[in-house]
PDB file of all heavy atoms in Angstrom:
ATOM      1  N   GLY A   1       0.762  -1.202   0.066  1.00  0.00           N
ATOM      2  CA  GLY A   1      -0.022   0.071  -0.056  1.00  0.00           C
ATOM      3  C   GLY A   1       0.908   1.281  -0.086  1.00  0.00           C
ATOM      4  O   GLY A   1       0.311   2.302   0.254  1.00  0.00           O
ATOM      5  N   GLY A   2       2.153   1.155  -0.346  1.00  0.00           N
ATOM      6  CA  GLY A   2       2.965   2.337  -0.397  1.00  0.00           C
ATOM      7  C   GLY A   2       3.291   2.827   1.054  1.00  0.00           C
ATOM      8  O   GLY A   2       3.256   2.054   2.013  1.00  0.00           O
ATOM      9  N   PHE A   3       3.344   4.124   1.091  1.00  0.00           N
ATOM     10  CA  PHE A   3       3.580   4.787   2.512  1.00  0.00           C
ATOM     11  C   PHE A   3       2.261   5.015   3.149  1.00  0.00           C
ATOM     12  O   PHE A   3       2.273   5.512   4.285  1.00  0.00           O
ATOM     13  CB  PHE A   3       4.238   6.083   2.308  1.00  0.00           C
ATOM     14  CG  PHE A   3       5.836   5.864   2.045  1.00  0.00           C
ATOM     15  CD1 PHE A   3       6.254   5.828   0.755  1.00  0.00           C
ATOM     16  CD2 PHE A   3       6.662   5.591   3.164  1.00  0.00           C
ATOM     17  CE1 PHE A   3       7.685   5.629   0.543  1.00  0.00           C
ATOM     18  CE2 PHE A   3       7.968   5.516   2.917  1.00  0.00           C
ATOM     19  CZ  PHE A   3       8.519   5.465   1.543  1.00  0.00           C
ATOM     20  N   ALA A   4       1.066   4.701   2.553  1.00  0.00           N
ATOM     21  CA  ALA A   4      -0.202   5.070   3.124  1.00  0.00           C
ATOM     22  C   ALA A   4      -0.470   4.427   4.564  1.00  0.00           C
ATOM     23  O   ALA A   4      -0.824   5.046   5.528  1.00  0.00           O
ATOM     24  CB  ALA A   4      -1.375   4.604   2.208  1.00  0.00           C
ATOM     25  N   PRO A   5      -0.147   3.135   4.784  1.00  0.00           N
ATOM     26  CA  PRO A   5      -0.391   2.600   6.081  1.00  0.00           C
ATOM     27  C   PRO A   5       0.400   3.195   7.247  1.00  0.00           C
ATOM     28  O   PRO A   5      -0.155   3.566   8.223  1.00  0.00           O
ATOM     29  CB  PRO A   5      -0.041   1.077   5.910  1.00  0.00           C
ATOM     30  CG  PRO A   5      -0.196   0.826   4.467  1.00  0.00           C
ATOM     31  CD  PRO A   5       0.177   2.107   3.806  1.00  0.00           C
ATOM     32  N   VAL A   6       1.736   3.389   6.936  1.00  0.00           N
ATOM     33  CA  VAL A   6       2.596   4.017   8.065  1.00  0.00           C
ATOM     34  C   VAL A   6       2.184   5.570   8.163  1.00  0.00           C
ATOM     35  O   VAL A   6       2.171   6.061   9.270  1.00  0.00           O
ATOM     36  CB  VAL A   6       4.010   3.873   7.783  1.00  0.00           C
ATOM     37  CG1 VAL A   6       4.450   4.602   6.583  1.00  0.00           C
ATOM     38  CG2 VAL A   6       4.810   4.308   9.010  1.00  0.00           C
ATOM     39  N   GLY A   7       1.833   6.177   7.097  1.00  0.00           N
ATOM     40  CA  GLY A   7       1.314   7.503   7.033  1.00  0.00           C
ATOM     41  C   GLY A   7       0.076   7.700   7.878  1.00  0.00           C
ATOM     42  O   GLY A   7       0.033   8.679   8.735  1.00  0.00           O
ATOM     43  N   ARG A   8      -0.776   6.735   7.795  1.00  0.00           N
ATOM     44  CA  ARG A   8      -2.012   6.846   8.505  1.00  0.00           C
ATOM     45  C   ARG A   8      -1.738   6.699   9.955  1.00  0.00           C
ATOM     46  O   ARG A   8      -2.340   7.362  10.872  1.00  0.00           O
ATOM     47  CB  ARG A   8      -3.101   5.844   8.132  1.00  0.00           C
ATOM     48  CG  ARG A   8      -4.377   5.700   8.997  1.00  0.00           C
ATOM     49  CD  ARG A   8      -5.411   4.969   8.246  1.00  0.00           C
ATOM     50  NE  ARG A   8      -5.976   5.627   7.048  1.00  0.00           N
ATOM     51  CZ  ARG A   8      -6.987   6.478   7.152  1.00  0.00           C
ATOM     52  NH1 ARG A   8      -7.429   6.801   8.302  1.00  0.00           N
ATOM     53  NH2 ARG A   8      -7.409   7.085   6.115  1.00  0.00           N
ATOM     54  N   PHE A   9      -0.878   5.687  10.368  1.00  0.00           N
ATOM     55  CA  PHE A   9      -0.559   5.445  11.745  1.00  0.00           C
ATOM     56  C   PHE A   9       0.100   6.771  12.260  1.00  0.00           C
ATOM     57  O   PHE A   9      -0.272   7.136  13.511  1.00  0.00           O
ATOM     58  CB  PHE A   9       0.592   4.285  11.801  1.00  0.00           C
ATOM     59  CG  PHE A   9       1.149   4.033  13.212  1.00  0.00           C
ATOM     60  CD1 PHE A   9       0.507   3.504  14.202  1.00  0.00           C
ATOM     61  CD2 PHE A   9       2.478   4.561  13.302  1.00  0.00           C
ATOM     62  CE1 PHE A   9       1.100   3.286  15.503  1.00  0.00           C
ATOM     63  CE2 PHE A   9       3.149   4.328  14.588  1.00  0.00           C
ATOM     64  CZ  PHE A   9       2.374   3.753  15.642  1.00  0.00           C
ATOM     65  N   LEU A  10       0.939   7.345  11.682  1.00  0.00           N
ATOM     66  CA  LEU A  10       1.638   8.613  12.185  1.00  0.00           C
ATOM     67  C   LEU A  10       0.591   9.766  12.223  1.00  0.00           C
ATOM     68  O   LEU A  10       0.672  10.557  13.216  1.00  0.00           O
ATOM     69  CB  LEU A  10       2.776   8.992  11.313  1.00  0.00           C
ATOM     70  CG  LEU A  10       3.971   8.113  11.375  1.00  0.00           C
ATOM     71  CD1 LEU A  10       4.932   8.385  10.249  1.00  0.00           C
ATOM     72  CD2 LEU A  10       4.653   8.161  12.641  1.00  0.00           C
ATOM     73  N   ALA A  11      -0.315   9.782  11.287  1.00  0.00           N
ATOM     74  CA  ALA A  11      -1.296  10.934  11.286  1.00  0.00           C
ATOM     75  C   ALA A  11      -2.197  10.851  12.641  1.00  0.00           C
ATOM     76  O   ALA A  11      -2.630  11.699  13.234  1.00  0.00           O
ATOM     77  CB  ALA A  11      -2.128  10.873  10.022  1.00  0.00           C
ATOM     78  N   VAL A  12      -2.668   9.514  12.846  1.00  0.00           N
ATOM     79  CA  VAL A  12      -3.523   9.172  14.000  1.00  0.00           C
ATOM     80  C   VAL A  12      -2.807   9.600  15.280  1.00  0.00           C
ATOM     81  O   VAL A  12      -3.438  10.187  16.184  1.00  0.00           O
ATOM     82  CB  VAL A  12      -4.016   7.745  13.938  1.00  0.00           C
ATOM     83  CG1 VAL A  12      -4.722   7.443  15.202  1.00  0.00           C
ATOM     84  CG2 VAL A  12      -4.995   7.502  12.770  1.00  0.00           C
ATOM     85  N   SER A  13      -1.517   9.231  15.285  1.00  0.00           N
ATOM     86  CA  SER A  13      -0.697   9.448  16.580  1.00  0.00           C
ATOM     87  C   SER A  13      -0.597  11.031  16.680  1.00  0.00           C
ATOM     88  O   SER A  13      -0.706  11.550  17.720  1.00  0.00           O
ATOM     89  CB  SER A  13       0.665   8.831  16.377  1.00  0.00           C
ATOM     90  OG  SER A  13       0.562   7.435  16.175  1.00  0.00           O
ATOM     91  N   MET A  14      -0.330  11.788  15.675  1.00  0.00           N
ATOM     92  CA  MET A  14      -0.257  13.187  15.698  1.00  0.00           C
ATOM     93  C   MET A  14      -1.526  13.758  16.132  1.00  0.00           C
ATOM     94  O   MET A  14      -1.523  14.749  16.961  1.00  0.00           O
ATOM     95  CB  MET A  14       0.104  13.736  14.347  1.00  0.00           C
ATOM     96  CG  MET A  14       0.300  15.326  14.311  1.00  0.00           C
ATOM     97  SD  MET A  14       0.743  15.871  12.602  1.00  0.00           S
ATOM     98  CE  MET A  14       2.409  15.135  12.519  1.00  0.00           C
ATOM     99  N   ALA A  15      -2.626  13.287  15.581  1.00  0.00           N
ATOM    100  CA  ALA A  15      -3.879  13.817  16.085  1.00  0.00           C
ATOM    101  C   ALA A  15      -4.189  13.586  17.590  1.00  0.00           C
ATOM    102  O   ALA A  15      -4.640  14.446  18.256  1.00  0.00           O
ATOM    103  CB  ALA A  15      -5.095  13.104  15.262  1.00  0.00           C
ATOM    104  N   LYS A  16      -3.797  12.511  18.023  1.00  0.00           N
ATOM    105  CA  LYS A  16      -3.940  12.143  19.467  1.00  0.00           C
ATOM    106  C   LYS A  16      -3.143  13.062  20.313  1.00  0.00           C
ATOM    107  O   LYS A  16      -3.597  13.661  21.355  1.00  0.00           O
ATOM    108  CB  LYS A  16      -3.572  10.802  19.771  1.00  0.00           C
ATOM    109  CG  LYS A  16      -4.450   9.642  19.272  1.00  0.00           C
ATOM    110  CD  LYS A  16      -3.982   8.230  19.477  1.00  0.00           C
ATOM    111  CE  LYS A  16      -4.981   7.251  18.997  1.00  0.00           C
ATOM    112  NZ  LYS A  16      -4.429   5.764  19.209  1.00  0.00           N
ATOM    113  N   ILE A  17      -1.892  13.468  19.808  1.00  0.00           N
ATOM    114  CA  ILE A  17      -1.039  14.399  20.573  1.00  0.00           C
ATOM    115  C   ILE A  17      -1.570  15.778  20.618  1.00  0.00           C
ATOM    116  O   ILE A  17      -1.657  16.546  21.603  1.00  0.00           O
ATOM    117  CB  ILE A  17       0.423  14.353  19.969  1.00  0.00           C
ATOM    118  CG1 ILE A  17       1.042  13.045  20.256  1.00  0.00           C
ATOM    119  CG2 ILE A  17       1.238  15.455  20.566  1.00  0.00           C
ATOM    120  CD1 ILE A  17       2.329  12.797  19.356  1.00  0.00           C
ATOM    121  N   LEU A  18      -2.098  16.160  19.397  1.00  0.00           N
ATOM    122  CA  LEU A  18      -2.692  17.552  19.297  1.00  0.00           C
ATOM    123  C   LEU A  18      -4.058  17.641  20.106  1.00  0.00           C
ATOM    124  O   LEU A  18      -4.432  18.786  20.478  1.00  0.00           O
ATOM    125  CB  LEU A  18      -2.993  17.859  17.859  1.00  0.00           C
ATOM    126  CG  LEU A  18      -1.670  18.094  16.968  1.00  0.00           C
ATOM    127  CD1 LEU A  18      -1.924  18.256  15.568  1.00  0.00           C
ATOM    128  CD2 LEU A  18      -0.850  19.324  17.490  1.00  0.00           C
ATOM    129  N   ASN A  19      -4.569  16.562  20.335  1.00  0.00           N
ATOM    130  CA  ASN A  19      -5.803  16.523  21.141  1.00  0.00           C
ATOM    131  C   ASN A  19      -5.458  16.294  22.703  1.00  0.00           C
ATOM    132  O   ASN A  19      -6.380  16.330  23.537  1.00  0.00           O
ATOM    133  CB  ASN A  19      -6.733  15.412  20.754  1.00  0.00           C
ATOM    134  CG  ASN A  19      -7.758  15.797  19.629  1.00  0.00           C
ATOM    135  OD1 ASN A  19      -8.152  16.912  19.651  1.00  0.00           O
ATOM    136  ND2 ASN A  19      -7.933  14.897  18.695  1.00  0.00           N
ATOM    137  N   GLY A  20      -4.161  16.358  23.078  1.00  0.00           N
ATOM    138  CA  GLY A  20      -3.802  16.370  24.449  1.00  0.00           C
ATOM    139  C   GLY A  20      -3.077  15.164  24.974  1.00  0.00           C
ATOM    140  O   GLY A  20      -2.735  15.082  26.168  1.00  0.00           O
ATOM    141  N   ALA A  21      -3.034  14.031  24.190  1.00  0.00           N
ATOM    142  CA  ALA A  21      -2.348  12.879  24.627  1.00  0.00           C
ATOM    143  C   ALA A  21      -0.833  13.008  24.723  1.00  0.00           C
ATOM    144  O   ALA A  21      -0.205  13.831  24.039  1.00  0.00           O
ATOM    145  CB  ALA A  21      -2.596  11.733  23.699  1.00  0.00           C
ATOM    146  N   LYS A  22      -0.306  12.552  25.864  1.00  0.00           N
ATOM    147  CA  LYS A  22       1.180  12.487  26.023  1.00  0.00           C
ATOM    148  C   LYS A  22       1.875  11.607  24.900  1.00  0.00           C
ATOM    149  O   LYS A  22       1.495  10.446  24.921  1.00  0.00           O
ATOM    150  CB  LYS A  22       1.541  12.170  27.362  1.00  0.00           C
ATOM    151  CG  LYS A  22       1.242  13.117  28.572  1.00  0.00           C
ATOM    152  CD  LYS A  22       1.814  12.559  29.852  1.00  0.00           C
ATOM    153  CE  LYS A  22       1.527  13.564  31.026  1.00  0.00           C
ATOM    154  NZ  LYS A  22       1.980  13.157  32.366  1.00  0.00           N
ATOM    155  N   PRO A  23       2.845  12.154  24.223  1.00  0.00           N
ATOM    156  CA  PRO A  23       3.436  11.256  23.229  1.00  0.00           C
ATOM    157  C   PRO A  23       4.075   9.963  23.867  1.00  0.00           C
ATOM    158  O   PRO A  23       3.876   8.920  23.136  1.00  0.00           O
ATOM    159  CB  PRO A  23       4.636  12.281  22.768  1.00  0.00           C
ATOM    160  CG  PRO A  23       4.100  13.599  22.909  1.00  0.00           C
ATOM    161  CD  PRO A  23       3.285  13.536  24.127  1.00  0.00           C
ATOM    162  N   ARG A  24       4.464   9.985  25.117  1.00  0.00           N
ATOM    163  CA  ARG A  24       5.125   8.871  25.674  1.00  0.00           C
ATOM    164  C   ARG A  24       4.035   7.809  25.860  1.00  0.00           C
ATOM    165  O   ARG A  24       4.364   6.475  25.963  1.00  0.00           O
ATOM    166  CB  ARG A  24       5.727   9.194  27.054  1.00  0.00           C
ATOM    167  CG  ARG A  24       6.525   8.087  27.677  1.00  0.00           C
ATOM    168  CD  ARG A  24       7.066   8.640  28.977  1.00  0.00           C
ATOM    169  NE  ARG A  24       8.046   7.576  29.561  1.00  0.00           N
ATOM    170  CZ  ARG A  24       8.748   7.756  30.629  1.00  0.00           C
ATOM    171  NH1 ARG A  24       8.749   8.968  31.209  1.00  0.00           N
ATOM    172  NH2 ARG A  24       9.437   6.826  31.149  1.00  0.00           N
ATOM    173  N   GLU A  25       2.829   8.119  25.961  1.00  0.00           N
ATOM    174  CA  GLU A  25       1.770   7.133  26.324  1.00  0.00           C
ATOM    175  C   GLU A  25       1.200   6.356  25.169  1.00  0.00           C
ATOM    176  O   GLU A  25       0.464   5.384  25.275  1.00  0.00           O
ATOM    177  CB  GLU A  25       0.552   7.826  26.973  1.00  0.00           C
ATOM    178  CG  GLU A  25       0.866   8.499  28.346  1.00  0.00           C
ATOM    179  CD  GLU A  25      -0.320   9.290  28.883  1.00  0.00           C
ATOM    180  OE1 GLU A  25      -1.222   9.541  28.038  1.00  0.00           O
ATOM    181  OE2 GLU A  25      -0.275   9.709  30.117  1.00  0.00           O
ATOM    182  N   LEU A  26       1.694   6.850  23.889  1.00  0.00           N
ATOM    183  CA  LEU A  26       1.169   6.241  22.667  1.00  0.00           C
ATOM    184  C   LEU A  26       2.012   4.973  22.242  1.00  0.00           C
ATOM    185  O   LEU A  26       3.156   4.897  22.573  1.00  0.00           O
ATOM    186  CB  LEU A  26       1.220   7.267  21.522  1.00  0.00           C
ATOM    187  CG  LEU A  26       0.349   8.570  21.839  1.00  0.00           C
ATOM    188  CD1 LEU A  26       0.543   9.426  20.503  1.00  0.00           C
ATOM    189  CD2 LEU A  26      -1.107   8.164  22.064  1.00  0.00           C
ATOM    190  N   ASN A  27       1.304   4.117  21.567  1.00  0.00           N
ATOM    191  CA  ASN A  27       2.070   2.965  21.020  1.00  0.00           C
ATOM    192  C   ASN A  27       2.989   3.466  19.879  1.00  0.00           C
ATOM    193  O   ASN A  27       2.531   4.087  18.943  1.00  0.00           O
ATOM    194  CB  ASN A  27       0.914   1.982  20.450  1.00  0.00           C
ATOM    195  CG  ASN A  27       1.638   0.898  19.589  1.00  0.00           C
ATOM    196  OD1 ASN A  27       2.699   0.304  20.044  1.00  0.00           O
ATOM    197  ND2 ASN A  27       1.136   0.474  18.542  1.00  0.00           N
ATOM    198  N   GLN A  28       4.186   3.102  19.902  1.00  0.00           N
ATOM    199  CA  GLN A  28       5.205   3.441  18.951  1.00  0.00           C
ATOM    200  C   GLN A  28       5.468   2.448  17.845  1.00  0.00           C
ATOM    201  O   GLN A  28       6.011   2.752  16.846  1.00  0.00           O
ATOM    202  CB  GLN A  28       6.627   3.753  19.658  1.00  0.00           C
ATOM    203  CG  GLN A  28       6.606   4.834  20.678  1.00  0.00           C
ATOM    204  CD  GLN A  28       7.904   5.036  21.327  1.00  0.00           C
ATOM    205  OE1 GLN A  28       8.453   6.204  21.258  1.00  0.00           O
ATOM    206  NE2 GLN A  28       8.545   4.047  21.872  1.00  0.00           N
ATOM    207  N   ILE A  29       5.003   1.192  18.154  1.00  0.00           N
ATOM    208  CA  ILE A  29       5.286   0.099  17.222  1.00  0.00           C
ATOM    209  C   ILE A  29       4.389   0.081  16.041  1.00  0.00           C
ATOM    210  O   ILE A  29       3.149  -0.050  16.188  1.00  0.00           O
ATOM    211  CB  ILE A  29       5.346  -1.127  17.995  1.00  0.00           C
ATOM    212  CG1 ILE A  29       6.388  -1.231  18.997  1.00  0.00           C
ATOM    213  CG2 ILE A  29       5.673  -2.355  17.044  1.00  0.00           C
ATOM    214  CD1 ILE A  29       6.463  -2.356  19.913  1.00  0.00           C
ATOM    215  N   PHE A  30       4.899   0.049  14.931  1.00  0.00           N
ATOM    216  CA  PHE A  30       4.030  -0.147  13.651  1.00  0.00           C
ATOM    217  C   PHE A  30       4.947  -1.051  12.714  1.00  0.00           C
ATOM    218  O   PHE A  30       5.886  -0.536  12.145  1.00  0.00           O
ATOM    219  CB  PHE A  30       3.610   1.132  12.939  1.00  0.00           C
ATOM    220  CG  PHE A  30       2.787   0.967  11.729  1.00  0.00           C
ATOM    221  CD1 PHE A  30       1.414   0.746  11.873  1.00  0.00           C
ATOM    222  CD2 PHE A  30       3.327   0.875  10.397  1.00  0.00           C
ATOM    223  CE1 PHE A  30       0.547   0.527  10.853  1.00  0.00           C
ATOM    224  CE2 PHE A  30       2.493   0.632   9.358  1.00  0.00           C
ATOM    225  CZ  PHE A  30       1.189   0.489   9.477  1.00  0.00           C
ATOM    226  N   GLU A  31       4.664  -2.330  12.574  1.00  0.00           N
ATOM    227  CA  GLU A  31       5.386  -3.138  11.706  1.00  0.00           C
ATOM    228  C   GLU A  31       4.770  -3.266  10.337  1.00  0.00           C
ATOM    229  O   GLU A  31       3.443  -3.448  10.177  1.00  0.00           O
ATOM    230  CB  GLU A  31       5.436  -4.605  12.377  1.00  0.00           C
ATOM    231  CG  GLU A  31       6.240  -4.641  13.599  1.00  0.00           C
ATOM    232  CD  GLU A  31       6.267  -6.001  14.153  1.00  0.00           C
ATOM    233  OE1 GLU A  31       5.354  -6.752  14.129  1.00  0.00           O
ATOM    234  OE2 GLU A  31       7.435  -6.376  14.594  1.00  0.00           O
ATOM    235  N   GLU A  32       5.576  -3.177   9.297  1.00  0.00           N
ATOM    236  CA  GLU A  32       5.044  -3.215   7.967  1.00  0.00           C
ATOM    237  C   GLU A  32       5.129  -4.711   7.556  1.00  0.00           C
ATOM    238  O   GLU A  32       5.908  -5.499   7.884  1.00  0.00           O
ATOM    239  CB  GLU A  32       6.020  -2.430   7.001  1.00  0.00           C
ATOM    240  CG  GLU A  32       5.913  -0.927   7.351  1.00  0.00           C
ATOM    241  CD  GLU A  32       6.742  -0.097   6.421  1.00  0.00           C
ATOM    242  OE1 GLU A  32       6.279   0.119   5.241  1.00  0.00           O
ATOM    243  OE2 GLU A  32       7.817   0.174   6.801  1.00  0.00           O
ATOM    244  N   ALA A  33       4.118  -5.055   6.774  1.00  0.00           N
ATOM    245  CA  ALA A  33       3.998  -6.410   6.215  1.00  0.00           C
ATOM    246  C   ALA A  33       5.242  -6.773   5.275  1.00  0.00           C
ATOM    247  O   ALA A  33       5.703  -5.971   4.523  1.00  0.00           O
ATOM    248  CB  ALA A  33       2.729  -6.547   5.257  1.00  0.00           C
ATOM    249  N   PRO A  34       5.789  -8.031   5.432  1.00  0.00           N
ATOM    250  CA  PRO A  34       6.903  -8.370   4.733  1.00  0.00           C
ATOM    251  C   PRO A  34       6.640  -8.796   3.297  1.00  0.00           C
ATOM    252  O   PRO A  34       6.624 -10.011   2.992  1.00  0.00           O
ATOM    253  CB  PRO A  34       7.460  -9.574   5.553  1.00  0.00           C
ATOM    254  CG  PRO A  34       6.242 -10.170   6.181  1.00  0.00           C
ATOM    255  CD  PRO A  34       5.335  -9.017   6.407  1.00  0.00           C
TER     256      PRO A  34
END
């Protein structure tokens, strides 16, 4: 799917942070399909 899956993961994480979530509290792991 190109960069779309990881891009969406990062966008969702960014939205959570901008809505007040602490960056440290978020899941950092996103594994791409082999």
